[in-house]
Every structure is written in C-alpha cells, then in structure tokens.
Amino acid sequence: MSSERAMGMKNSEDRTHADLLSEALKAIRKDRRMRPSEVARALGMPLRSYEHFEAGRGRITYDRLARFAEATNSDPVALLAAIPLQSPEFALRCADNKLMTILTIALSELNEELGDDIMYIESGTLIGAFTRVAKELVEHVRKRDTFAEAWLQEKSTKVKGASAITHIDWRRRSAVGKS
C-alpha cells in the first residue's frame, strides 16, 4: 500500500472520529439546552473557535473535552468512548450518570491496588467479571422499570382521571423526556 493511500485512509479515519465526536458534543450541548456561545464562554474560547471544535475541525485534546464536560456537566470519558463504540449516543446516555468516569475511577483503583500484578488477571476472568456487572446493571434497570410500573398501577387509582402507564408507554415517555 502506498504511503499516500495509507495517509488517505488515516485522514478518512480521523474524519470519522471527528464526526463521531462532533455529533456527541452537539447532542450533549443541545440536551443541556445551551447555545454555542454559552459553551464557548464557559471554555474561554472565541465563538468561532468553539464552533470549529464542536464541528470536529478544531484541535481536539482531552483537556478540551474535559473542559467541555465540566461546562456541560457531562462525562469526558464517555466522549472518548464514543469513538471506539461508534456511538455518539453513548456519550449522551452517560452524560448524567457518568458511567465511563466511574468505570475509569474503578479501574484506576484496581491499578493502584494491584500494580504490576494486574497482568496476572486472565482474560476469561475479566470477561466473566464485566459480563456479570453488565447483567446486574441491566437487571437493576429492568427491576426499576417494573417497580415503577407496579407502583403506578397500584397508586393511579388514588388520583381521579389518572391511569397506569404501561411498560411500553413508560419506556417511550422516558426516551421522549431525554431528547
């Protein structure tokens, strides 16, 4: 493969990464109901520089992503994770609960605790542990939905004209409320 072709692939890949980050940055800013000028001011940047940054054309550094996350109260690590996950939506989904920041802190503590011994954790053990945690989180969310549905079913009779929200309505309304 020629170096020109390899550079073209790299530039194309960089563009895709920039596009993913751009989508994530815009989605979070809009979810926070912030104007570009407000975020630019919070970052201490001229509006035009911020617009280039948000469009994925400006210089993107972790420091800038972290400052953006601070200004928008979102998760800077989830912004980065949006790239390998190919999901700008992931960054938005983690904006409030800071899932990736929490995971990174837990991994940092594991690194501090084990140091060099971390290399002795077998891949199968890691897969099993992370799979269990993921299943527990899914179960937690499902139970929460079930609890809310049951509670509403039981309690809605106490309010004249109220009706229980069905499982499908509950999810749809939750999703609509987040957009």
Protein backbone atom coordinates (compact mmCIF):
# COMPACT_ATOMS: atom_id res chain seq x y z
CA MET A 1 0.00 0.00 0.00
CA SER A 2 1.38 3.39 -0.92
CA SER A 3 2.04 5.95 1.77
CA GLU A 4 -0.37 8.36 0.03
CA ARG A 5 -3.13 5.77 0.18
CA ALA A 6 -2.31 4.99 3.82
CA MET A 7 -2.45 8.72 4.62
CA GLY A 8 -5.81 8.96 2.84
CA MET A 9 -7.16 6.11 4.98
CA LYS A 10 -5.80 7.75 8.13
CA ASN A 11 -7.35 11.09 7.20
CA SER A 12 -10.65 9.35 6.46
CA GLU A 13 -10.47 7.53 9.80
CA ASP A 14 -9.62 10.79 11.60
CA ARG A 15 -12.59 12.43 9.87
CA THR A 16 -14.90 9.66 11.05
CA HIS A 17 -13.59 10.06 14.60
CA ALA A 18 -14.07 13.83 14.39
CA ASP A 19 -17.60 13.35 13.06
CA LEU A 20 -18.48 10.99 15.93
CA LEU A 21 -17.15 13.45 18.50
CA SER A 22 -18.90 16.32 16.78
CA GLU A 23 -22.24 14.50 16.95
CA ALA A 24 -21.67 13.72 20.62
CA LEU A 25 -20.67 17.29 21.51
CA LYS A 26 -23.68 18.77 19.71
CA ALA A 27 -26.10 16.26 21.23
CA ILE A 28 -24.88 16.98 24.76
CA ARG A 29 -24.91 20.76 24.27
CA LYS A 30 -28.44 20.61 22.87
CA ASP A 31 -29.59 18.24 25.62
CA ARG A 32 -28.29 20.77 28.14
CA ARG A 33 -30.19 23.49 26.27
CA MET A 34 -27.04 25.53 25.87
CA ARG A 35 -26.18 27.81 22.98
CA PRO A 36 -22.74 27.52 21.35
CA SER A 37 -21.90 30.98 22.70
CA GLU A 38 -22.59 29.82 26.28
CA VAL A 39 -20.30 26.82 25.96
CA ALA A 40 -17.64 28.92 24.21
CA ARG A 41 -17.73 31.42 27.07
CA ALA A 42 -17.51 28.63 29.67
CA LEU A 43 -14.48 27.21 27.83
CA GLY A 44 -12.87 30.63 27.50
CA MET A 45 -12.77 30.37 23.71
CA PRO A 46 -13.93 32.67 20.95
CA LEU A 47 -17.26 31.53 19.50
CA ARG A 48 -15.73 30.75 16.09
CA SER A 49 -13.06 28.53 17.71
CA TYR A 50 -15.74 26.70 19.67
CA GLU A 51 -17.83 26.20 16.53
CA HIS A 52 -14.80 24.64 14.82
CA PHE A 53 -14.17 22.46 17.89
CA GLU A 54 -17.79 21.28 18.03
CA ALA A 55 -17.76 20.60 14.30
CA GLY A 56 -14.72 18.37 14.77
CA ARG A 57 -12.46 20.72 12.84
CA GLY A 58 -10.70 22.38 15.73
CA ARG A 59 -7.87 20.97 17.79
CA ILE A 60 -9.38 18.23 19.92
CA THR A 61 -7.48 17.38 23.08
CA TYR A 62 -8.51 15.56 26.23
CA ASP A 63 -8.16 18.85 28.11
CA ARG A 64 -10.72 20.49 25.81
CA LEU A 65 -13.07 17.52 26.12
CA ALA A 66 -12.73 17.63 29.90
CA ARG A 67 -13.43 21.37 29.94
CA PHE A 68 -16.45 20.83 27.66
CA ALA A 69 -17.68 18.09 30.02
CA GLU A 70 -17.26 20.40 33.00
CA ALA A 71 -19.14 23.21 31.24
CA THR A 72 -21.99 20.87 30.25
CA ASN A 73 -21.89 18.63 33.34
CA SER A 74 -21.28 15.56 31.20
CA ASP A 75 -18.83 12.63 31.11
CA PRO A 76 -15.49 13.34 29.37
CA VAL A 77 -14.51 9.67 29.27
CA ALA A 78 -17.80 8.76 27.59
CA LEU A 79 -16.98 11.33 24.90
CA LEU A 80 -13.79 9.42 24.16
CA ALA A 81 -15.56 6.05 24.34
CA ALA A 82 -18.00 7.21 21.67
CA ILE A 83 -15.22 6.71 19.11
CA PRO A 84 -14.41 3.00 19.54
CA LEU A 85 -18.08 2.27 20.28
CA GLN A 86 -19.06 4.15 17.09
CA SER A 87 -21.88 5.70 19.11
CA PRO A 88 -22.20 9.42 19.81
CA GLU A 89 -25.44 8.47 21.58
CA PHE A 90 -23.37 6.61 24.19
CA ALA A 91 -21.76 9.88 25.29
CA LEU A 92 -25.19 11.45 25.70
CA ARG A 93 -26.56 8.40 27.54
CA CYS A 94 -23.67 8.61 30.04
CA ALA A 95 -23.78 12.39 30.44
CA ASP A 96 -25.85 12.34 33.62
CA ASN A 97 -24.74 9.16 35.36
CA LYS A 98 -21.03 9.50 34.45
CA LEU A 99 -20.79 5.75 33.75
CA MET A 100 -17.42 5.90 31.99
CA THR A 101 -15.85 8.22 34.55
CA ILE A 102 -16.99 5.88 37.33
CA LEU A 103 -15.62 2.86 35.43
CA THR A 104 -12.32 4.65 34.87
CA ILE A 105 -12.05 5.51 38.57
CA ALA A 106 -12.73 1.86 39.49
CA LEU A 107 -10.05 0.72 37.03
CA SER A 108 -7.64 3.31 38.42
CA GLU A 109 -8.22 1.94 41.92
CA LEU A 110 -7.65 -1.60 40.61
CA ASN A 111 -4.40 -0.43 39.02
CA GLU A 112 -3.29 1.20 42.28
CA GLU A 113 -4.19 -1.89 44.29
CA LEU A 114 -2.60 -4.49 42.00
CA GLY A 115 0.13 -2.55 40.23
CA ASP A 116 2.20 -4.95 38.12
CA ASP A 117 0.08 -7.89 39.31
CA ILE A 118 -2.74 -6.64 37.10
CA MET A 119 -1.08 -8.54 34.25
CA TYR A 120 -1.92 -11.81 36.01
CA ILE A 121 -5.66 -11.34 35.64
CA GLU A 122 -6.69 -13.74 32.90
CA SER A 123 -8.84 -12.57 30.02
CA GLY A 124 -11.54 -15.10 30.88
CA THR A 125 -11.74 -13.71 34.41
CA LEU A 126 -12.12 -10.18 33.06
CA ILE A 127 -14.80 -11.23 30.57
CA GLY A 128 -16.71 -13.05 33.29
CA ALA A 129 -16.47 -10.16 35.75
CA PHE A 130 -17.51 -7.47 33.30
CA THR A 131 -20.28 -9.64 31.86
CA ARG A 132 -21.69 -10.20 35.38
CA VAL A 133 -21.58 -6.49 36.15
CA ALA A 134 -23.29 -5.65 32.85
CA LYS A 135 -26.03 -8.22 33.50
CA GLU A 136 -26.55 -6.88 37.03
CA LEU A 137 -26.90 -3.34 35.70
CA VAL A 138 -29.43 -4.46 33.07
CA GLU A 139 -31.36 -6.34 35.75
CA HIS A 140 -31.29 -3.28 38.03
CA VAL A 141 -32.74 -1.06 35.29
CA ARG A 142 -35.40 -3.63 34.37
CA LYS A 143 -36.45 -4.05 38.02
CA ARG A 144 -36.63 -0.29 38.42
CA ASP A 145 -38.97 -0.11 35.42
CA THR A 146 -41.05 -2.97 36.80
CA PHE A 147 -41.20 -1.35 40.24
CA ALA A 148 -42.34 1.97 38.77
CA GLU A 149 -44.98 0.27 36.63
CA ALA A 150 -46.35 -1.73 39.58
CA TRP A 151 -46.33 1.32 41.83
CA LEU A 152 -48.18 3.41 39.25
CA GLN A 153 -50.64 0.59 38.61
CA GLU A 154 -51.47 0.40 42.30
CA LYS A 155 -51.41 4.12 43.11
CA SER A 156 -53.02 5.60 39.99
CA THR A 157 -56.47 4.77 41.37
CA LYS A 158 -55.89 7.44 44.04
CA VAL A 159 -55.87 10.27 41.51
CA LYS A 160 -59.08 10.97 39.64
CA GLY A 161 -58.62 10.54 35.90
CA ALA A 162 -55.14 9.04 36.23
CA SER A 163 -54.31 5.81 34.53
CA ALA A 164 -51.42 3.46 34.91
CA ILE A 165 -48.58 3.74 32.43
CA THR A 166 -47.92 0.54 30.56
CA HIS A 167 -44.42 -0.87 30.18
CA ILE A 168 -44.16 0.34 26.59
CA ASP A 169 -45.53 3.80 27.40
CA TRP A 170 -43.12 4.14 30.34
CA ARG A 171 -40.06 3.45 28.17
CA ARG A 172 -41.29 5.65 25.35
CA ARG A 173 -42.06 8.54 27.71
CA SER A 174 -38.67 8.15 29.39
CA ALA A 175 -36.97 8.28 25.99
CA VAL A 176 -39.04 11.27 24.87
CA GLY A 177 -38.22 13.09 28.10
CA LYS A 178 -34.49 12.65 27.41
CA SER A 179 -34.49 14.10 23.88
